Amino acid sequence: MNNLNFEQRVDALISDLGENIQNIYRFEDDLDWVNVDIHFINPVTGSLDEVSLFADNGDQPSSMLYCPDIGNGFSSGVVVDTLEDLYNTILED
């Protein structure tokens, strides 16, 4: 899964999170910058979490930001580079 382009990474994450997804927000600009924020119920903790995916060059993904328990009003994020790292971080939460 490390060689996925941005859209493939987003699609894989949406497929894997499935019914736990609460909201998906997508932002794009004229400079090929794309940001997708996915709010989901963490299957381990039951908290509302967020993962933000970024692409700053069309289809080339950059890091992802995982923010656990955003429902409490304060959350610090963890930067991850691959979906595997993201899933491991979610499961450790």
Protein backbone atom coordinates (compact mmCIF):
# COMPACT_ATOMS: atom_id res chain seq x y z
CA MET A 1 0.00 0.00 0.00
CA ASN A 2 3.00 2.33 0.09
CA ASN A 3 2.87 3.06 -3.66
CA LEU A 4 -0.68 4.41 -3.77
CA ASN A 5 -1.31 7.79 -5.32
CA PHE A 6 -3.37 10.33 -3.40
CA GLU A 7 -6.82 9.30 -4.66
CA GLN A 8 -6.04 5.60 -4.18
CA ARG A 9 -4.93 6.32 -0.61
CA VAL A 10 -8.14 8.24 0.10
CA ASP A 11 -10.28 5.49 -1.46
CA ALA A 12 -8.49 2.76 0.52
CA LEU A 13 -8.95 4.64 3.78
CA ILE A 14 -12.64 5.29 3.11
CA SER A 15 -13.14 1.62 2.25
CA ASP A 16 -11.31 0.44 5.38
CA LEU A 17 -13.08 2.82 7.78
CA GLY A 18 -16.46 2.07 6.19
CA GLU A 19 -19.43 2.58 8.49
CA ASN A 20 -17.27 4.31 11.13
CA ILE A 21 -17.00 7.42 8.94
CA GLN A 22 -19.05 10.37 10.17
CA ASN A 23 -18.02 13.12 7.70
CA ILE A 24 -15.67 13.68 4.79
CA TYR A 25 -14.47 17.16 3.82
CA ARG A 26 -12.49 17.88 0.66
CA PHE A 27 -10.68 21.13 -0.10
CA GLU A 28 -8.91 21.99 -3.37
CA ASP A 29 -7.27 25.08 -4.82
CA ASP A 30 -5.94 26.26 -8.20
CA LEU A 31 -2.38 25.16 -7.38
CA ASP A 32 -3.05 21.39 -7.25
CA TRP A 33 -3.19 21.42 -3.45
CA VAL A 34 -5.76 18.99 -2.04
CA ASN A 35 -6.76 18.26 1.55
CA VAL A 36 -9.23 15.56 2.62
CA ASP A 37 -10.38 15.41 6.25
CA ILE A 38 -12.15 12.26 7.41
CA HIS A 39 -13.96 12.20 10.76
CA PHE A 40 -14.61 8.71 12.06
CA ILE A 41 -15.51 6.78 15.17
CA ASN A 42 -12.39 5.02 16.39
CA PRO A 43 -13.26 1.30 16.55
CA VAL A 44 -10.89 0.81 19.50
CA THR A 45 -11.77 3.74 21.77
CA GLY A 46 -15.18 4.88 20.48
CA SER A 47 -13.91 8.46 20.26
CA LEU A 48 -14.42 10.82 17.30
CA ASP A 49 -11.07 10.98 15.48
CA GLU A 50 -9.83 12.77 12.38
CA VAL A 51 -7.31 11.93 9.71
CA SER A 52 -6.21 14.61 7.24
CA LEU A 53 -4.63 13.61 3.96
CA PHE A 54 -2.66 16.09 1.89
CA ALA A 55 -1.44 16.26 -1.70
CA ASP A 56 0.59 19.25 -2.77
CA ASN A 57 1.35 18.13 -6.29
CA GLY A 58 -1.73 16.67 -7.89
CA ASP A 59 -1.72 12.93 -7.30
CA GLN A 60 1.45 12.76 -5.18
CA PRO A 61 0.47 12.16 -1.54
CA SER A 62 2.37 13.67 1.33
CA SER A 63 2.09 12.82 5.00
CA MET A 64 -1.16 12.27 6.86
CA LEU A 65 -2.15 13.87 10.16
CA TYR A 66 -4.04 11.71 12.65
CA CYS A 67 -5.83 13.56 15.48
CA PRO A 68 -7.46 11.32 18.09
CA ASP A 69 -10.49 12.35 20.12
CA ILE A 70 -11.28 15.62 18.33
CA GLY A 71 -14.68 15.65 20.04
CA ASN A 72 -13.15 16.80 23.33
CA GLY A 73 -12.22 20.20 21.89
CA PHE A 74 -8.45 19.69 22.06
CA SER A 75 -6.37 17.20 20.17
CA SER A 76 -2.72 16.94 19.25
CA GLY A 77 -1.89 15.29 15.97
CA VAL A 78 0.50 12.56 14.95
CA VAL A 79 2.12 12.69 11.51
CA VAL A 80 2.21 9.35 9.67
CA ASP A 81 3.55 8.54 6.22
CA THR A 82 1.77 5.33 5.23
CA LEU A 83 -1.63 3.75 5.72
CA GLU A 84 0.05 0.95 7.68
CA ASP A 85 1.53 3.51 10.08
CA LEU A 86 -1.87 5.17 10.39
CA TYR A 87 -3.66 1.90 11.17
CA ASN A 88 -1.02 0.95 13.74
CA THR A 89 -1.37 4.36 15.40
CA ILE A 90 -5.17 4.07 15.51
CA LEU A 91 -4.95 0.60 17.07
CA GLU A 92 -2.44 1.82 19.68
CA ASP A 93 -4.74 4.69 20.65
